[in-house]
Protein backbone atom coordinates (compact mmCIF):
# COMPACT_ATOMS: atom_id res chain seq x y z
CA MET A 1 -10.81 37.64 -13.63
CA ARG A 2 -6.89 37.48 -13.71
CA PHE A 3 -5.02 34.44 -12.22
CA MET A 4 -1.47 34.05 -10.79
CA PHE A 5 0.26 31.11 -10.68
CA VAL A 6 3.60 30.96 -9.42
CA CYS A 7 6.10 27.91 -9.76
CA GLY A 8 9.62 27.29 -10.75
CA GLY A 9 12.66 25.20 -10.77
CA THR A 10 11.15 22.04 -11.71
CA ALA A 11 8.43 19.77 -13.86
CA GLY A 12 7.42 18.68 -11.19
CA HIS A 13 6.38 21.98 -9.82
CA ILE A 14 5.38 23.36 -13.37
CA ASN A 15 3.02 20.94 -14.70
CA PRO A 16 0.46 20.77 -11.94
CA ALA A 17 0.55 24.21 -12.53
CA ILE A 18 0.12 24.69 -16.08
CA ALA A 19 -3.31 21.53 -15.24
CA ILE A 20 -5.12 24.01 -13.24
CA ALA A 21 -4.55 27.07 -15.29
CA SER A 22 -5.71 25.48 -17.82
CA GLU A 23 -8.70 24.01 -15.35
CA ILE A 24 -9.30 27.40 -15.57
CA LEU A 25 -9.40 27.89 -18.94
CA GLY A 26 -11.80 25.77 -19.76
CA ARG A 27 -14.31 27.07 -17.86
CA LYS A 28 -13.26 30.68 -17.94
CA PRO A 29 -11.76 31.29 -21.34
CA GLU A 30 -11.60 35.01 -20.71
CA SER A 31 -9.36 34.59 -18.03
CA LYS A 32 -6.63 36.76 -17.99
CA ILE A 33 -3.12 34.18 -16.68
CA LEU A 34 0.17 35.37 -15.47
CA PHE A 35 3.47 32.93 -14.15
CA VAL A 36 5.47 34.01 -12.47
CA GLY A 37 9.02 31.76 -11.96
CA ALA A 38 12.50 32.35 -10.91
CA ASP A 39 13.97 32.24 -14.11
CA ARG A 40 14.74 29.22 -14.16
CA ASP A 41 15.45 27.00 -17.77
CA MET A 42 12.81 24.61 -16.94
CA GLU A 43 9.79 27.20 -16.16
CA LYS A 44 11.66 29.65 -19.24
CA ARG A 45 10.54 26.22 -21.77
CA LEU A 46 7.01 24.90 -20.35
CA ILE A 47 5.38 27.64 -20.03
CA PRO A 48 5.64 29.65 -22.98
CA ARG A 49 5.16 26.24 -24.76
CA ALA A 50 1.73 25.51 -23.12
CA GLY A 51 0.87 28.64 -24.36
CA PHE A 52 0.65 31.49 -20.84
CA ASP A 53 2.51 34.37 -20.42
CA LEU A 54 5.60 34.68 -17.87
CA VAL A 55 7.63 36.59 -16.33
CA ASN A 56 10.61 36.28 -13.98
CA ILE A 57 11.80 37.33 -10.53
CA LYS A 58 15.00 36.87 -9.27
CA MET A 59 15.69 33.98 -6.64
CA SER A 60 17.45 31.52 -5.44
CA GLY A 61 17.13 28.35 -2.45
CA LEU A 62 18.94 28.18 0.94
CA ALA A 63 21.66 25.30 1.75
CA ARG A 64 21.90 23.57 4.36
CA GLY A 65 24.23 23.15 6.37
CA ILE A 66 27.11 25.30 8.01
CA THR A 67 30.24 26.19 5.84
CA PRO A 68 31.95 29.37 4.86
CA ASP A 69 30.27 28.77 1.01
CA LYS A 70 27.12 27.74 2.50
CA LEU A 71 27.24 30.70 4.62
CA PHE A 72 27.52 33.66 1.44
CA LYS A 73 25.00 31.61 -0.44
CA ASN A 74 22.66 31.75 2.55
CA ALA A 75 23.36 35.75 2.93
CA LYS A 76 23.13 36.00 -1.61
CA THR A 77 19.19 34.28 -0.44
CA VAL A 78 18.12 36.23 2.01
CA ARG A 79 19.25 39.20 -0.53
CA ASN A 80 17.39 38.32 -3.23
CA LEU A 81 14.34 37.21 -1.29
CA PHE A 82 13.57 40.67 0.02
CA LEU A 83 14.53 41.95 -3.23
CA ALA A 84 11.38 39.03 -4.69
CA GLY A 85 8.88 40.42 -1.92
CA LYS A 86 9.72 44.15 -4.10
CA GLU A 87 9.11 42.85 -7.56
CA ALA A 88 6.96 40.64 -6.38
CA GLY A 89 4.91 43.28 -5.74
CA LYS A 90 5.26 45.81 -8.43
CA ILE A 91 4.02 42.34 -10.43
CA ILE A 92 1.20 41.19 -9.03
CA GLY A 93 -0.10 45.69 -7.47
CA SER A 94 0.27 46.12 -12.33
CA PHE A 95 -1.93 41.92 -13.01
CA ALA A 96 -3.76 42.06 -10.17
CA PRO A 97 -4.75 39.37 -9.18
CA ASP A 98 -8.33 37.94 -8.69
CA ALA A 99 -6.38 34.57 -6.54
CA VAL A 100 -2.87 33.74 -6.56
CA VAL A 101 -1.75 29.33 -6.77
CA GLY A 102 1.18 28.75 -5.83
CA THR A 103 2.24 24.85 -6.77
CA GLY A 104 6.20 24.66 -5.42
CA GLY A 105 9.93 26.25 -5.16
CA TYR A 106 11.46 29.17 -3.53
CA ILE A 107 9.76 31.42 -5.23
CA CYS A 108 6.50 31.15 -4.28
CA TYR A 109 7.06 32.48 -0.42
CA PRO A 110 7.47 35.46 -1.70
CA VAL A 111 4.84 36.47 -3.93
CA LEU A 112 2.46 34.33 -1.98
CA GLY A 113 2.93 35.88 0.70
CA ARG A 114 3.56 39.39 -0.23
CA ALA A 115 -0.03 38.62 -2.30
CA ALA A 116 -1.85 37.38 1.45
CA ARG A 117 -1.24 40.51 2.68
CA MET A 118 -2.47 42.73 0.32
CA GLY A 119 -5.52 40.53 1.20
CA ILE A 120 -6.28 38.81 -2.09
CA PRO A 121 -7.06 34.81 -1.85
CA THR A 122 -3.69 32.90 -1.76
CA TYR A 123 -3.09 29.26 -2.64
CA ILE A 124 -0.32 26.04 -2.15
CA HIS A 125 0.35 23.10 -3.83
CA GLU A 126 2.16 20.16 -2.31
CA SER A 127 2.95 17.76 -4.00
CA ASN A 128 5.76 15.72 -1.79
CA ALA A 129 4.86 13.30 1.37
CA VAL A 130 6.23 16.14 3.51
CA PRO A 131 5.62 19.41 3.64
CA GLY A 132 8.18 20.71 2.25
CA LEU A 133 10.01 24.59 3.96
CA THR A 134 8.11 27.09 1.83
CA THR A 135 5.01 25.77 1.95
CA LYS A 136 5.66 24.76 5.54
CA MET A 137 6.33 28.83 5.88
CA LEU A 138 2.97 29.61 3.90
CA ASN A 139 0.25 27.23 6.19
CA ALA A 140 -0.16 30.42 7.88
CA SER A 141 -1.13 32.69 5.19
CA VAL A 142 -2.77 31.11 2.10
CA LYS A 143 -6.87 30.64 2.36
CA ASN A 144 -5.61 26.44 1.71
CA VAL A 145 -2.70 23.64 1.43
CA PHE A 146 -3.64 21.34 -1.13
CA VAL A 147 -1.74 17.83 -0.81
CA ALA A 148 -1.27 14.93 -2.32
CA PHE A 149 -2.19 12.22 -0.53
CA PRO A 150 -4.11 11.28 2.49
CA GLY A 151 -4.50 12.20 5.91
CA LEU A 152 -1.23 14.48 6.66
CA GLU A 153 -3.13 17.11 8.33
CA GLY A 154 -1.05 16.48 10.97
CA LEU A 155 1.83 17.97 10.35
CA TYR A 156 0.77 21.43 9.54
CA ARG A 157 0.49 23.79 12.10
CA HIS A 158 -3.06 24.97 10.84
CA PRO A 159 -4.44 21.51 10.33
CA GLY A 160 -7.94 22.94 9.18
CA ARG A 161 -6.57 25.01 6.42
CA VAL A 162 -5.30 20.93 3.97
CA MET A 163 -7.69 19.81 1.56
CA PHE A 164 -6.63 16.37 -0.31
CA THR A 165 -6.90 16.78 -4.00
CA GLY A 166 -4.55 14.56 -5.27
CA THR A 167 -1.45 16.43 -8.27
CA PRO A 168 -2.68 17.94 -10.45
CA VAL A 169 -0.95 16.19 -13.92
CA ARG A 170 -1.95 17.63 -17.91
CA GLY A 171 -4.71 16.92 -19.63
CA ASP A 172 -2.51 14.33 -21.73
CA PHE A 173 -1.56 12.13 -19.04
CA ARG A 174 -4.71 10.78 -19.13
CA LEU A 175 -5.82 10.84 -22.80
CA ALA A 176 -2.61 9.45 -23.78
CA LYS A 177 -2.93 5.97 -26.01
CA ALA A 178 -1.08 3.03 -24.56
CA ASP A 179 -0.51 2.21 -28.79
CA ASN A 180 0.83 5.68 -29.84
CA GLU A 181 3.95 5.05 -31.88
CA VAL A 182 7.30 5.74 -29.82
CA ALA A 183 9.88 3.23 -30.66
CA GLU A 184 10.43 0.79 -33.08
CA PRO A 185 6.97 -1.64 -33.67
CA SER A 186 7.71 -4.55 -31.39
CA LYS A 187 5.75 -6.73 -30.14
CA LYS A 188 8.20 -6.85 -27.21
CA PRO A 189 7.58 -5.02 -23.72
CA LEU A 190 8.19 -0.99 -23.44
CA VAL A 191 10.71 0.24 -20.20
CA LEU A 192 10.70 3.99 -19.22
CA SER A 193 13.72 5.17 -17.83
CA PHE A 194 14.37 8.90 -16.77
CA TRP A 195 16.40 10.67 -13.64
CA GLY A 196 14.64 13.82 -13.94
CA SER A 197 15.41 16.92 -16.19
CA LEU A 198 18.50 17.23 -14.14
CA GLY A 199 19.86 13.67 -14.32
CA ALA A 200 21.53 11.82 -11.78
CA GLU A 201 25.67 10.84 -12.30
CA LYS A 202 25.21 8.02 -10.11
CA MET A 203 21.81 6.90 -11.80
CA ASN A 204 23.29 7.42 -15.55
CA GLU A 205 26.17 5.00 -14.55
CA ALA A 206 24.40 2.22 -13.86
CA MET A 207 22.26 1.74 -16.66
CA ALA A 208 25.26 2.34 -18.94
CA GLU A 209 25.29 -1.15 -17.60
CA PHE A 210 21.62 -1.93 -18.29
CA ILE A 211 21.40 -0.83 -21.59
CA THR A 212 24.41 -3.75 -22.15
CA LEU A 213 22.72 -6.38 -20.18
CA ASN A 214 19.96 -5.88 -22.45
CA ALA A 215 21.47 -5.08 -25.77
CA GLU A 216 22.78 -9.03 -25.47
CA GLU A 217 19.12 -10.53 -24.65
CA GLY A 218 17.89 -8.21 -26.35
CA ARG A 219 14.60 -8.42 -23.49
CA PHE A 220 12.28 -5.22 -24.08
CA VAL A 221 12.24 -2.14 -25.60
CA HIS A 222 14.26 0.63 -23.26
CA ILE A 223 14.12 4.48 -24.20
CA HIS A 224 16.09 6.67 -21.40
CA ALA A 225 16.56 10.16 -21.21
CA THR A 226 19.97 10.81 -19.26
CA GLY A 227 18.90 14.94 -18.23
CA LYS A 228 20.60 17.82 -18.46
CA SER A 229 23.06 18.66 -21.72
CA GLY A 230 25.16 16.07 -22.83
CA GLY A 231 23.99 13.21 -21.86
CA VAL A 232 23.99 11.79 -24.68
CA GLN A 233 26.85 12.33 -25.89
CA ARG A 234 28.52 10.93 -22.28
CA MET A 235 26.16 7.74 -22.11
CA MET A 236 27.29 6.66 -25.34
CA GLU A 237 31.42 7.04 -24.75
CA ARG A 238 30.41 5.42 -21.40
CA LEU A 239 28.89 2.43 -23.84
CA LYS A 240 31.93 1.86 -25.60
CA GLN A 241 33.75 1.35 -22.74
CA LEU A 242 31.41 -1.34 -21.89
CA GLY A 243 31.94 -3.19 -25.21
CA LEU A 244 29.04 -1.69 -27.85
CA ARG A 245 31.20 -0.22 -30.06
CA ASP A 246 28.93 -0.44 -32.53
CA GLY A 247 26.04 1.94 -31.43
CA LEU A 248 22.54 0.77 -30.33
CA PRO A 249 20.74 -1.95 -31.22
CA PRO A 250 17.48 -1.65 -32.95
CA GLY A 251 14.72 -0.83 -29.98
CA ILE A 252 17.29 0.78 -27.42
CA GLN A 253 16.67 4.71 -27.15
CA ILE A 254 18.43 7.51 -25.00
CA ARG A 255 18.16 11.09 -25.35
CA GLU A 256 18.61 14.19 -23.39
CA TYR A 257 15.12 14.91 -22.58
CA ILE A 258 11.82 13.28 -23.52
CA ASP A 259 9.17 15.97 -24.50
CA ASP A 260 6.32 13.62 -25.70
CA MET A 261 5.93 12.19 -21.69
CA PRO A 262 2.73 11.11 -22.41
CA ALA A 263 3.19 9.72 -25.62
CA VAL A 264 6.01 7.72 -24.45
CA MET A 265 4.81 6.69 -20.66
CA GLY A 266 1.32 5.42 -22.52
CA LYS A 267 3.42 2.91 -24.40
CA ALA A 268 5.13 1.87 -20.94
CA ASP A 269 5.08 -1.73 -19.46
CA ILE A 270 7.52 -0.54 -16.78
CA VAL A 271 8.96 3.32 -15.49
CA LEU A 272 12.15 3.77 -14.35
CA CYS A 273 12.06 6.82 -12.06
CA ARG A 274 12.63 9.04 -9.03
CA ALA A 275 9.57 9.54 -6.52
CA GLY A 276 9.25 12.80 -7.20
CA GLY A 277 5.11 14.10 -5.64
CA SER A 278 4.57 15.46 -9.58
CA THR A 279 6.37 12.18 -11.33
CA LEU A 280 4.48 9.57 -9.27
CA ALA A 281 0.97 11.50 -10.14
CA GLU A 282 1.56 10.43 -13.28
CA LEU A 283 2.36 7.26 -13.15
CA THR A 284 -0.31 7.03 -10.68
CA ALA A 285 -3.39 8.86 -13.23
CA MET A 286 -1.71 6.40 -16.43
CA ARG A 287 -1.65 3.77 -14.02
CA LYS A 288 1.36 2.86 -15.01
CA PRO A 289 4.33 0.08 -12.58
CA SER A 290 7.36 1.32 -12.09
CA ILE A 291 10.60 0.75 -9.25
CA LEU A 292 11.29 3.78 -7.62
CA ILE A 293 15.14 5.09 -6.88
CA PRO A 294 13.88 8.04 -4.34
CA SER A 295 16.67 11.14 -4.47
CA PRO A 296 18.81 11.14 -1.33
CA TYR A 297 19.69 14.95 -1.87
CA VAL A 298 16.53 16.07 -1.38
CA THR A 299 15.72 17.81 1.64
CA ASN A 300 14.20 16.17 4.27
CA ASP A 301 14.50 12.88 2.31
CA GLN A 302 11.57 13.22 1.35
CA GLN A 303 11.39 11.25 -1.82
CA THR A 304 11.24 8.37 0.30
CA LYS A 305 8.10 8.99 2.04
CA ASN A 306 6.38 9.83 -1.19
CA ALA A 307 7.27 6.52 -3.04
CA ALA A 308 6.03 4.58 0.32
CA GLN A 309 2.72 5.98 -0.30
CA LEU A 310 2.85 3.96 -3.44
CA GLU A 311 4.86 0.95 -2.33
CA LYS A 312 2.12 0.86 0.18
CA ALA A 313 -0.33 0.81 -2.17
CA GLY A 314 1.05 -1.76 -4.23
CA GLY A 315 1.83 0.53 -7.20
CA ALA A 316 5.53 0.07 -7.26
CA VAL A 317 8.76 -1.05 -6.34
CA MET A 318 11.04 1.32 -4.21
CA LYS A 319 14.80 1.09 -3.83
CA THR A 320 18.14 2.44 -2.79
CA GLU A 321 20.01 4.63 -5.19
CA LYS A 322 23.45 2.59 -2.90
CA ASP A 323 22.08 -0.60 -3.26
CA CYS A 324 21.09 0.30 -7.15
CA SER A 325 23.31 -0.91 -10.12
CA GLY A 326 22.71 -1.96 -13.75
CA LYS A 327 22.62 -5.76 -12.87
CA SER A 328 20.31 -4.69 -9.53
CA LEU A 329 17.88 -2.89 -12.07
CA TYR A 330 18.03 -5.42 -14.55
CA THR A 331 17.04 -8.31 -12.83
CA ALA A 332 14.08 -6.43 -10.92
CA VAL A 333 12.73 -5.65 -14.45
CA THR A 334 12.77 -8.93 -15.51
CA SER A 335 11.58 -10.56 -13.21
CA LEU A 336 8.42 -8.17 -13.39
CA LEU A 337 8.05 -8.86 -16.68
CA ASP A 338 8.04 -12.68 -16.65
CA ASP A 339 4.99 -12.08 -13.94
CA ASP A 340 2.15 -11.14 -14.85
CA GLU A 341 0.10 -11.34 -12.39
CA ARG A 342 2.33 -9.05 -10.12
CA LEU A 343 2.05 -6.59 -12.39
CA GLY A 344 -2.26 -6.73 -13.04
CA ARG A 345 -1.94 -6.76 -9.44
CA MET A 346 -0.32 -2.80 -9.58
CA THR A 347 -2.64 -1.51 -11.86
CA VAL A 348 -5.61 -2.22 -10.09
CA SER A 349 -3.60 -0.85 -7.47
CA LEU A 350 -2.62 2.06 -8.93
CA ARG A 351 -6.47 2.67 -10.51
CA GLU A 352 -8.00 2.58 -6.87
CA LEU A 353 -4.88 5.50 -5.22
CA SER A 354 -5.93 7.37 -8.59
CA VAL A 355 -7.09 10.89 -7.80
CA TYR A 356 -8.34 12.08 -11.64
CA ASP A 357 -9.72 15.20 -10.54
CA ALA A 358 -8.00 16.62 -8.80
CA GLU A 359 -7.27 20.10 -10.74
CA THR A 360 -11.43 20.10 -11.04
CA LYS A 361 -11.16 20.11 -7.16
CA ILE A 362 -8.39 22.57 -6.79
CA ALA A 363 -10.51 24.53 -9.24
CA ASP A 364 -14.13 24.68 -7.33
CA VAL A 365 -11.71 25.67 -4.08
CA ILE A 366 -10.44 28.71 -5.84
CA PHE A 367 -13.99 29.60 -7.73
CA GLU A 368 -15.76 29.09 -4.49
CA GLY A 369 -13.39 31.70 -2.52
CA LEU A 370 -13.97 34.47 -4.76
CA SER A 371 -17.93 34.24 -4.48
């Protein structure tokens, strides 16, 4: 059997696809799998590393608002969309998939749309609490929309096609041991912070102050990922300006990107991060209390709605970026670390919220549709 997965742009789109593809291979090792991306760095980095073949189609997203620059960009996007549809048809015709599964990114629209018109069973997963533009546009074409949270059917024009499955996470997020050595051996708690592969300038500025405060008091071990190329150098320069002229003390690490995220998150006591759907699924799977700072730059304020789901369940604390300073975050973290009872309640809430078999449920539906 042959399966095509379509995703692009961010790890939050790519990792769920890898999880579903791995589940399918676990059941049917002879299956052929092809990934289609939008020629972005993250898919070119993560998909081959997971052992899957990748082809790319040039695609760009829509710019919100009306300015000359945005109108020009959108005209270019419309052209790319037309060309992407033609290229998708060639790839689909050559690979001849039995099913096509999309997990996010603008590239899903031309590929899944073309596959559906060719009579191939198509599916899309939406990891956010509100449907994105691509998912809305494909709702009428795909056989099913798999969603991350329960009770979202009313947000879609075709609610009968919507299925709650949770968001798939890679198996190593479930299997990672909490005793993995990822930092200086210490009895101190570990705090993990990251803002995604692209980083976030304002939040990294706040983390510089946060790191300085922890360097002075030494309350916990801390690993921070800056994101973006050169982020570590900029962070070190800022820390020097704040008084850390002799480098980082033991127990504090700064990285650009955390490649061994399951191991690091498995060791963490508290996580500070954005609120992308895939990240929340990983936090929930590993039962990690978190302080969530939704990105204010995401369409339809999706991350705030995602974070609200976890906060309402009792597994996270949500703060707005505009209200975050290094000091306020440091106070929030130390307050949580001093409250074992609250951390315990958050862990229990995450256990109750977790969906451990999302990729299994999705694979069940796909195979059932092919039988």
